Each structure stands twice: as C-alpha cells, then as structure tokens.
Amino acid sequence: MAYYAQPAAANYHTPPMQQQRQRGYRICDTCGTTETPSVKFRLCGGCMTTQYCSQDCQKTHWPSHKAICQHTAAQVSKATTATPYGGEELAKTLRKFTSAHTSLLGWAGFQALQLKRVPANVRQNALLLELSYHNHVESHRRFSIAASHIVPRTYIRDPLVISDIQRREERCRHSGGIGTLVVILQCGGVSQVMPVEVDPPSKISWDEREDWATVLNHFIESGRTDFKPISTTARG
C-alpha cells in the first residue's frame, strides 16, 4: 500500500455543539456559515477544495489559506499522465466525488473508527479508502470502493496538510468537540484528505453500525447522494 502523492486538505466538516447543523454539510472556512439551498458556496479557485460563503470571506481567509492553497494547486498541476486516467483530471474528479458523498464518507469514518465507543481513536487513526476508477458520465459515479483500511494518522506525512488538520482540530476542541476525523480517499497516486470535525459522543445519536462498509458500497455503487445518518433508538 503506497503513500499518497497528491495531498489536499478539503473543508468538509461542521462545527460541533450546533445541533441545528447536520454533520457533513459544508461550512464557510472563515465565518462558519452552513451551506443551504439559498446560500451556495464558492470554491477557492486555486486548490478547488476549500469553500466560502462569499467573496469577502474568501479575501479575509487568504492570508492563512495561502500556503496550503498554493501547495495543493502545485501538487495537482504536477500530476501527469503516469496514471491510467490522467493525473490532473483524476484529482479534479476525485474532489467532485468527495463533495458529492460528503455526509456518507464522514459517517463511514465515524463508524469505522468506532468513535462512539472509543472517542480517542479520532486522534490516533484515519480511514483510508482505496478507490478504483471507471468511466461514467456523472463524476460522482466514476469510483468504486476497492478496499478500506484503518491506518495511523502518521500515514499523512505532508507538513502543510498536517498543519491544516491540526488547525481544524484545535477549533473543534475549543468548541467542545472531540477532534477531527480524517478520511483519506486514494486512487492510484492521487488522494483527497477529508477532515471532519466531530461532536462529543453525548451529542451524537447515530446507531453504531458494523455493516458500515456494506452501506458505503451500496450508496457509492448506486450513485445515490441522499445519504443521511439514522438513529433507531432514543440515544442511538
């Protein structure tokens, strides 16, 4: 299992302690506004991963975002046709795929790391999903789950990506959360790092699901993007 070559820290998470906001929705990385049907976010044109609710928020965030943005953009531009599908195009498609399945992927990571029972796992491990690529007219249906692994957080070796995750983790804990769950999606030599800020267990009502991998595969293969975590008991 090779280390990934094209790191990118995406902004897929919601602030803890906000019960009216469902985990998995995208938020503005400057002001914390949640994306809604009436408030459509804009992607950073450089890294094509971080989202903002307005141009003003994007300008405000630029001084702190500049380093990781330019690094991510450089990594993507260096991707070559060494992969079977074209590295740069593959990286862009992987970002679209991650965005379409944000809620599902965050839920799968939460279940895989058993964070409801062992919250400390969020600081030690990450969920790595190896993907296989196939042609499809819809970008969110161009990948299948080839394998899943629980890997140590040290799997992520890029200093700028690590720093970006730590920044989110500090914000999460300051707001009462347990930390930042990391999901890594990898296809060939291209990867997407997806941090998800996690509420304290007392605020989480999801059921524990040992069949999370089956559920994940079902939604990915069917192309469904309407996944919502469910609770079948009073406290999950």
C-alpha atoms as a PDB file:
ATOM      1  CA  MET A   1       0.000   0.000   0.000  1.00  0.00           C
ATOM      2  CA  ALA A   2       1.778   3.137  -1.218  1.00  0.00           C
ATOM      3  CA  TYR A   3       1.644   6.533   0.420  1.00  0.00           C
ATOM      4  CA  TYR A   4      -0.391   9.056  -1.498  1.00  0.00           C
ATOM      5  CA  ALA A   5       1.340  11.555  -3.734  1.00  0.00           C
ATOM      6  CA  GLN A   6      -1.184  14.354  -4.226  1.00  0.00           C
ATOM      7  CA  PRO A   7      -2.360  15.651  -0.826  1.00  0.00           C
ATOM      8  CA  ALA A   8      -5.155  18.144  -0.374  1.00  0.00           C
ATOM      9  CA  ALA A   9      -6.919  19.123   2.835  1.00  0.00           C
ATOM     10  CA  ALA A  10     -10.538  19.789   1.996  1.00  0.00           C
ATOM     11  CA  ASN A  11     -13.052  21.713   4.064  1.00  0.00           C
ATOM     12  CA  TYR A  12     -15.735  19.108   4.757  1.00  0.00           C
ATOM     13  CA  HIS A  13     -16.985  19.411   8.320  1.00  0.00           C
ATOM     14  CA  THR A  14     -19.372  21.315  10.548  1.00  0.00           C
ATOM     15  CA  PRO A  15     -18.703  22.994  13.872  1.00  0.00           C
ATOM     16  CA  PRO A  16     -19.554  20.896  16.949  1.00  0.00           C
ATOM     17  CA  MET A  17     -22.165  21.908  19.505  1.00  0.00           C
ATOM     18  CA  GLN A  18     -24.512  23.232  16.836  1.00  0.00           C
ATOM     19  CA  GLN A  19     -27.441  20.832  16.886  1.00  0.00           C
ATOM     20  CA  GLN A  20     -29.287  22.639  14.140  1.00  0.00           C
ATOM     21  CA  ARG A  21     -26.440  21.915  11.748  1.00  0.00           C
ATOM     22  CA  GLN A  22     -26.169  18.404  10.439  1.00  0.00           C
ATOM     23  CA  ARG A  23     -22.699  16.905  10.328  1.00  0.00           C
ATOM     24  CA  GLY A  24     -21.413  16.570   6.788  1.00  0.00           C
ATOM     25  CA  TYR A  25     -22.746  19.833   5.417  1.00  0.00           C
ATOM     26  CA  ARG A  26     -20.106  22.204   4.126  1.00  0.00           C
ATOM     27  CA  ILE A  27     -19.297  25.363   6.049  1.00  0.00           C
ATOM     28  CA  CYS A  28     -17.526  28.575   5.212  1.00  0.00           C
ATOM     29  CA  ASP A  29     -13.968  28.294   6.453  1.00  0.00           C
ATOM     30  CA  THR A  30     -13.981  31.949   7.502  1.00  0.00           C
ATOM     31  CA  CYS A  31     -17.260  32.632   9.291  1.00  0.00           C
ATOM     32  CA  GLY A  32     -18.727  29.143   9.813  1.00  0.00           C
ATOM     33  CA  THR A  33     -21.921  29.751   7.820  1.00  0.00           C
ATOM     34  CA  THR A  34     -23.546  26.499   6.728  1.00  0.00           C
ATOM     35  CA  GLU A  35     -24.298  25.954   3.043  1.00  0.00           C
ATOM     36  CA  THR A  36     -28.014  25.878   2.266  1.00  0.00           C
ATOM     37  CA  PRO A  37     -30.059  25.730  -0.937  1.00  0.00           C
ATOM     38  CA  SER A  38     -30.264  29.535  -0.828  1.00  0.00           C
ATOM     39  CA  VAL A  39     -26.622  30.097   0.171  1.00  0.00           C
ATOM     40  CA  LYS A  40     -24.445  28.412  -2.432  1.00  0.00           C
ATOM     41  CA  PHE A  41     -20.744  28.300  -1.659  1.00  0.00           C
ATOM     42  CA  ARG A  42     -17.867  29.240  -3.925  1.00  0.00           C
ATOM     43  CA  LEU A  43     -14.774  27.066  -4.230  1.00  0.00           C
ATOM     44  CA  CYS A  44     -11.314  28.505  -3.899  1.00  0.00           C
ATOM     45  CA  GLY A  45     -10.075  28.768  -7.481  1.00  0.00           C
ATOM     46  CA  GLY A  46      -6.559  27.720  -6.503  1.00  0.00           C
ATOM     47  CA  CYS A  47      -6.967  24.478  -4.584  1.00  0.00           C
ATOM     48  CA  MET A  48     -10.587  23.780  -5.623  1.00  0.00           C
ATOM     49  CA  THR A  49     -11.322  22.303  -2.186  1.00  0.00           C
ATOM     50  CA  THR A  50     -11.978  24.988   0.429  1.00  0.00           C
ATOM     51  CA  GLN A  51     -15.397  26.653   0.356  1.00  0.00           C
ATOM     52  CA  TYR A  52     -16.556  30.152   1.198  1.00  0.00           C
ATOM     53  CA  CYS A  53     -19.981  31.726   1.539  1.00  0.00           C
ATOM     54  CA  SER A  54     -18.863  34.992  -0.052  1.00  0.00           C
ATOM     55  CA  GLN A  55     -16.021  36.736  -1.810  1.00  0.00           C
ATOM     56  CA  ASP A  56     -15.409  38.849   1.300  1.00  0.00           C
ATOM     57  CA  CYS A  57     -14.859  35.725   3.425  1.00  0.00           C
ATOM     58  CA  GLN A  58     -12.534  34.327   0.798  1.00  0.00           C
ATOM     59  CA  LYS A  59     -10.434  37.518   0.846  1.00  0.00           C
ATOM     60  CA  THR A  60     -10.345  37.563   4.659  1.00  0.00           C
ATOM     61  CA  HIS A  61      -9.157  33.959   4.819  1.00  0.00           C
ATOM     62  CA  TRP A  62      -6.496  34.240   2.125  1.00  0.00           C
ATOM     63  CA  PRO A  63      -3.508  35.131   4.373  1.00  0.00           C
ATOM     64  CA  SER A  64      -3.950  31.931   6.409  1.00  0.00           C
ATOM     65  CA  HIS A  65      -5.090  29.806   3.444  1.00  0.00           C
ATOM     66  CA  LYS A  66      -2.382  30.883   1.011  1.00  0.00           C
ATOM     67  CA  ALA A  67       0.260  28.282   1.937  1.00  0.00           C
ATOM     68  CA  ILE A  68      -1.956  25.168   1.812  1.00  0.00           C
ATOM     69  CA  CYS A  69      -3.786  26.509  -1.256  1.00  0.00           C
ATOM     70  CA  GLN A  70      -0.667  27.071  -3.337  1.00  0.00           C
ATOM     71  CA  HIS A  71       0.782  23.764  -2.178  1.00  0.00           C
ATOM     72  CA  THR A  72      -2.342  21.830  -3.157  1.00  0.00           C
ATOM     73  CA  ALA A  73      -2.606  23.572  -6.523  1.00  0.00           C
ATOM     74  CA  ALA A  74       1.056  22.804  -7.232  1.00  0.00           C
ATOM     75  CA  GLN A  75       0.602  19.145  -6.365  1.00  0.00           C
ATOM     76  CA  VAL A  76      -2.369  18.837  -8.706  1.00  0.00           C
ATOM     77  CA  SER A  77      -0.586  20.613 -11.570  1.00  0.00           C
ATOM     78  CA  LYS A  78       2.370  18.224 -11.209  1.00  0.00           C
ATOM     79  CA  ALA A  79       0.103  15.232 -11.673  1.00  0.00           C
ATOM     80  CA  THR A  80       0.935  13.686 -15.039  1.00  0.00           C
ATOM     81  CA  THR A  81      -0.497  11.103 -17.372  1.00  0.00           C
ATOM     82  CA  ALA A  82       1.514   8.491 -15.477  1.00  0.00           C
ATOM     83  CA  THR A  83      -1.772   7.302 -14.032  1.00  0.00           C
ATOM     84  CA  PRO A  84      -4.099   5.379 -16.362  1.00  0.00           C
ATOM     85  CA  TYR A  85      -6.644   8.224 -16.382  1.00  0.00           C
ATOM     86  CA  GLY A  86      -4.547  11.393 -16.393  1.00  0.00           C
ATOM     87  CA  GLY A  87      -3.401  12.662 -13.010  1.00  0.00           C
ATOM     88  CA  GLU A  88      -4.727  16.213 -13.043  1.00  0.00           C
ATOM     89  CA  GLU A  89      -8.145  15.245 -14.370  1.00  0.00           C
ATOM     90  CA  LEU A  90      -8.307  12.373 -11.872  1.00  0.00           C
ATOM     91  CA  ALA A  91      -7.571  14.773  -8.998  1.00  0.00           C
ATOM     92  CA  LYS A  92     -10.374  17.107 -10.072  1.00  0.00           C
ATOM     93  CA  THR A  93     -12.834  14.224 -10.457  1.00  0.00           C
ATOM     94  CA  LEU A  94     -11.896  12.879  -7.024  1.00  0.00           C
ATOM     95  CA  ARG A  95     -12.708  16.257  -5.474  1.00  0.00           C
ATOM     96  CA  LYS A  96     -16.141  16.239  -7.109  1.00  0.00           C
ATOM     97  CA  PHE A  97     -16.727  12.698  -5.884  1.00  0.00           C
ATOM     98  CA  THR A  98     -15.745  13.631  -2.327  1.00  0.00           C
ATOM     99  CA  SER A  99     -18.004  16.665  -2.371  1.00  0.00           C
ATOM    100  CA  ALA A 100     -20.991  14.650  -3.619  1.00  0.00           C
ATOM    101  CA  HIS A 101     -20.601  11.988  -0.912  1.00  0.00           C
ATOM    102  CA  THR A 102     -19.518  14.192   1.999  1.00  0.00           C
ATOM    103  CA  SER A 103     -22.110  13.049   4.525  1.00  0.00           C
ATOM    104  CA  LEU A 104     -21.726   9.376   3.641  1.00  0.00           C
ATOM    105  CA  LEU A 105     -17.931   9.427   3.871  1.00  0.00           C
ATOM    106  CA  GLY A 106     -17.933  11.233   7.209  1.00  0.00           C
ATOM    107  CA  TRP A 107     -20.415   8.728   8.628  1.00  0.00           C
ATOM    108  CA  ALA A 108     -18.348   5.805   7.359  1.00  0.00           C
ATOM    109  CA  GLY A 109     -15.242   7.203   9.014  1.00  0.00           C
ATOM    110  CA  PHE A 110     -17.106   7.699  12.287  1.00  0.00           C
ATOM    111  CA  GLN A 111     -18.301   4.088  12.234  1.00  0.00           C
ATOM    112  CA  ALA A 112     -15.014   2.583  11.050  1.00  0.00           C
ATOM    113  CA  LEU A 113     -13.045   4.228  13.872  1.00  0.00           C
ATOM    114  CA  GLN A 114     -15.780   3.321  16.409  1.00  0.00           C
ATOM    115  CA  LEU A 115     -15.771   6.868  17.719  1.00  0.00           C
ATOM    116  CA  LYS A 116     -18.980   6.477  19.669  1.00  0.00           C
ATOM    117  CA  ARG A 117     -17.379   3.860  21.920  1.00  0.00           C
ATOM    118  CA  VAL A 118     -13.739   4.941  21.698  1.00  0.00           C
ATOM    119  CA  PRO A 119     -13.574   8.707  21.037  1.00  0.00           C
ATOM    120  CA  ALA A 120      -9.781   8.708  21.498  1.00  0.00           C
ATOM    121  CA  ASN A 121      -9.448   6.856  18.188  1.00  0.00           C
ATOM    122  CA  VAL A 122     -10.034  10.164  16.404  1.00  0.00           C
ATOM    123  CA  ARG A 123      -6.551  11.296  17.440  1.00  0.00           C
ATOM    124  CA  GLN A 124      -4.777   8.060  16.533  1.00  0.00           C
ATOM    125  CA  ASN A 125      -6.239   6.639  13.339  1.00  0.00           C
ATOM    126  CA  ALA A 126      -7.770   7.519   9.984  1.00  0.00           C
ATOM    127  CA  LEU A 127      -9.964   5.708   7.467  1.00  0.00           C
ATOM    128  CA  LEU A 128      -8.247   5.066   4.140  1.00  0.00           C
ATOM    129  CA  LEU A 129     -10.474   4.182   1.199  1.00  0.00           C
ATOM    130  CA  GLU A 130      -8.767   2.790  -1.884  1.00  0.00           C
ATOM    131  CA  LEU A 131     -10.808   3.540  -4.984  1.00  0.00           C
ATOM    132  CA  SER A 132     -10.971   2.053  -8.446  1.00  0.00           C
ATOM    133  CA  TYR A 133     -11.864   4.263 -11.398  1.00  0.00           C
ATOM    134  CA  HIS A 134     -14.260   3.591 -14.246  1.00  0.00           C
ATOM    135  CA  ASN A 135     -15.817   5.797 -16.894  1.00  0.00           C
ATOM    136  CA  HIS A 136     -19.241   7.245 -16.203  1.00  0.00           C
ATOM    137  CA  VAL A 137     -20.992  10.356 -17.427  1.00  0.00           C
ATOM    138  CA  GLU A 138     -21.557  11.502 -13.819  1.00  0.00           C
ATOM    139  CA  SER A 139     -18.382  12.362 -11.884  1.00  0.00           C
ATOM    140  CA  HIS A 140     -19.737  11.069  -8.564  1.00  0.00           C
ATOM    141  CA  ARG A 141     -20.170   7.618 -10.116  1.00  0.00           C
ATOM    142  CA  ARG A 142     -16.663   7.206 -11.516  1.00  0.00           C
ATOM    143  CA  PHE A 143     -15.244   5.487  -8.443  1.00  0.00           C
ATOM    144  CA  SER A 144     -15.879   2.253  -6.565  1.00  0.00           C
ATOM    145  CA  ILE A 145     -14.530   1.186  -3.177  1.00  0.00           C
ATOM    146  CA  ALA A 146     -11.732  -1.310  -3.843  1.00  0.00           C
ATOM    147  CA  ALA A 147     -10.610  -1.685  -0.214  1.00  0.00           C
ATOM    148  CA  SER A 148     -10.776   0.051   3.158  1.00  0.00           C
ATOM    149  CA  HIS A 149      -8.101   0.266   5.842  1.00  0.00           C
ATOM    150  CA  ILE A 150      -7.695   1.748   9.284  1.00  0.00           C
ATOM    151  CA  VAL A 151      -4.316   3.478   9.214  1.00  0.00           C
ATOM    152  CA  PRO A 152      -2.422   5.559  11.782  1.00  0.00           C
ATOM    153  CA  ARG A 153      -2.715   9.314  11.409  1.00  0.00           C
ATOM    154  CA  THR A 154       1.025   9.301  10.692  1.00  0.00           C
ATOM    155  CA  TYR A 155       0.093   7.955   7.246  1.00  0.00           C
ATOM    156  CA  ILE A 156      -0.362  11.613   6.354  1.00  0.00           C
ATOM    157  CA  ARG A 157       3.166  12.915   6.026  1.00  0.00           C
ATOM    158  CA  ASP A 158       2.817  16.250   4.275  1.00  0.00           C
ATOM    159  CA  PRO A 159       3.612  19.036   6.803  1.00  0.00           C
ATOM    160  CA  LEU A 160       1.176  21.561   5.335  1.00  0.00           C
ATOM    161  CA  VAL A 161      -1.710  19.089   5.262  1.00  0.00           C
ATOM    162  CA  ILE A 162      -0.925  18.047   8.842  1.00  0.00           C
ATOM    163  CA  SER A 163      -0.872  21.693   9.914  1.00  0.00           C
ATOM    164  CA  ASP A 164      -4.226  22.352   8.268  1.00  0.00           C
ATOM    165  CA  ILE A 165      -5.798  19.369  10.034  1.00  0.00           C
ATOM    166  CA  GLN A 166      -4.350  20.483  13.373  1.00  0.00           C
ATOM    167  CA  ARG A 167      -5.823  23.942  12.904  1.00  0.00           C
ATOM    168  CA  ARG A 168      -9.255  22.428  12.416  1.00  0.00           C
ATOM    169  CA  GLU A 169      -8.733  20.103  15.362  1.00  0.00           C
ATOM    170  CA  GLU A 170      -7.931  22.969  17.704  1.00  0.00           C
ATOM    171  CA  ARG A 171     -11.037  24.836  16.567  1.00  0.00           C
ATOM    172  CA  CYS A 172     -13.146  21.724  17.076  1.00  0.00           C
ATOM    173  CA  ARG A 173     -11.905  21.052  20.607  1.00  0.00           C
ATOM    174  CA  HIS A 174     -12.254  24.712  21.537  1.00  0.00           C
ATOM    175  CA  SER A 175     -15.944  24.378  20.639  1.00  0.00           C
ATOM    176  CA  GLY A 176     -16.375  21.239  22.742  1.00  0.00           C
ATOM    177  CA  GLY A 177     -15.802  18.542  20.116  1.00  0.00           C
ATOM    178  CA  ILE A 178     -13.541  15.514  20.424  1.00  0.00           C
ATOM    179  CA  GLY A 179     -11.323  16.298  17.443  1.00  0.00           C
ATOM    180  CA  THR A 180     -11.057  15.911  13.695  1.00  0.00           C
ATOM    181  CA  LEU A 181     -11.824  12.643  11.970  1.00  0.00           C
ATOM    182  CA  VAL A 182      -9.662  12.083   8.890  1.00  0.00           C
ATOM    183  CA  VAL A 183     -10.860  10.176   5.832  1.00  0.00           C
ATOM    184  CA  ILE A 184      -8.331   9.604   3.031  1.00  0.00           C
ATOM    185  CA  LEU A 185      -9.539   8.724  -0.454  1.00  0.00           C
ATOM    186  CA  GLN A 186      -6.898   7.309  -2.764  1.00  0.00           C
ATOM    187  CA  CYS A 187      -6.944   6.288  -6.401  1.00  0.00           C
ATOM    188  CA  GLY A 188      -3.610   5.414  -7.924  1.00  0.00           C
ATOM    189  CA  GLY A 189      -1.173   8.156  -6.946  1.00  0.00           C
ATOM    190  CA  VAL A 190      -3.854  10.786  -6.303  1.00  0.00           C
ATOM    191  CA  SER A 191      -5.544  11.320  -2.942  1.00  0.00           C
ATOM    192  CA  GLN A 192      -8.013  13.572  -1.202  1.00  0.00           C
ATOM    193  CA  VAL A 193      -7.788  14.202   2.542  1.00  0.00           C
ATOM    194  CA  MET A 194     -11.166  14.917   4.135  1.00  0.00           C
ATOM    195  CA  PRO A 195     -11.190  16.267   7.717  1.00  0.00           C
ATOM    196  CA  VAL A 196     -14.497  16.082   9.625  1.00  0.00           C
ATOM    197  CA  GLU A 197     -14.926  17.809  12.984  1.00  0.00           C
ATOM    198  CA  VAL A 198     -16.689  15.501  15.439  1.00  0.00           C
ATOM    199  CA  ASP A 199     -19.135  16.371  18.218  1.00  0.00           C
ATOM    200  CA  PRO A 200     -18.779  14.840  21.704  1.00  0.00           C
ATOM    201  CA  PRO A 201     -20.412  11.366  21.979  1.00  0.00           C
ATOM    202  CA  SER A 202     -23.194  12.756  24.193  1.00  0.00           C
ATOM    203  CA  LYS A 203     -24.355  14.890  21.267  1.00  0.00           C
ATOM    204  CA  ILE A 204     -24.340  12.047  18.743  1.00  0.00           C
ATOM    205  CA  SER A 205     -27.465   9.948  18.340  1.00  0.00           C
ATOM    206  CA  TRP A 206     -26.346   7.737  15.471  1.00  0.00           C
ATOM    207  CA  ASP A 207     -26.567   3.986  15.860  1.00  0.00           C
ATOM    208  CA  GLU A 208     -23.335   2.028  15.780  1.00  0.00           C
ATOM    209  CA  ARG A 209     -23.243   0.074  12.529  1.00  0.00           C
ATOM    210  CA  GLU A 210     -20.905  -2.843  11.978  1.00  0.00           C
ATOM    211  CA  ASP A 211     -22.141  -3.048   8.389  1.00  0.00           C
ATOM    212  CA  TRP A 212     -20.880   0.447   7.548  1.00  0.00           C
ATOM    213  CA  ALA A 213     -18.739  -0.856   4.673  1.00  0.00           C
ATOM    214  CA  THR A 214     -21.756  -2.543   3.071  1.00  0.00           C
ATOM    215  CA  VAL A 215     -23.809   0.640   3.407  1.00  0.00           C
ATOM    216  CA  LEU A 216     -20.948   2.700   1.978  1.00  0.00           C
ATOM    217  CA  ASN A 217     -20.612   0.426  -1.041  1.00  0.00           C
ATOM    218  CA  HIS A 218     -24.363   0.415  -1.653  1.00  0.00           C
ATOM    219  CA  PHE A 219     -24.598   4.199  -1.870  1.00  0.00           C
ATOM    220  CA  ILE A 220     -21.423   4.567  -3.935  1.00  0.00           C
ATOM    221  CA  GLU A 221     -22.365   1.867  -6.452  1.00  0.00           C
ATOM    222  CA  SER A 222     -25.948   3.082  -6.815  1.00  0.00           C
ATOM    223  CA  GLY A 223     -24.823   6.680  -7.260  1.00  0.00           C
ATOM    224  CA  ARG A 224     -27.113   7.894  -4.501  1.00  0.00           C
ATOM    225  CA  THR A 225     -26.084  11.183  -2.885  1.00  0.00           C
ATOM    226  CA  ASP A 226     -29.001  11.471  -0.461  1.00  0.00           C
ATOM    227  CA  PHE A 227     -27.425   9.595   2.456  1.00  0.00           C
ATOM    228  CA  LYS A 228     -28.463  10.710   5.947  1.00  0.00           C
ATOM    229  CA  PRO A 229     -27.300   9.081   9.214  1.00  0.00           C
ATOM    230  CA  ILE A 230     -30.188   7.473  11.048  1.00  0.00           C
ATOM    231  CA  SER A 231     -30.898   6.600  14.678  1.00  0.00           C
ATOM    232  CA  THR A 232     -33.341   3.846  15.518  1.00  0.00           C
ATOM    233  CA  THR A 233     -33.196   4.240  19.302  1.00  0.00           C
ATOM    234  CA  ALA A 234     -33.710   7.133  21.668  1.00  0.00           C
ATOM    235  CA  ARG A 235     -29.988   7.696  22.140  1.00  0.00           C
ATOM    236  CA  GLY A 236     -28.624   5.789  19.171  1.00  0.00           C
END
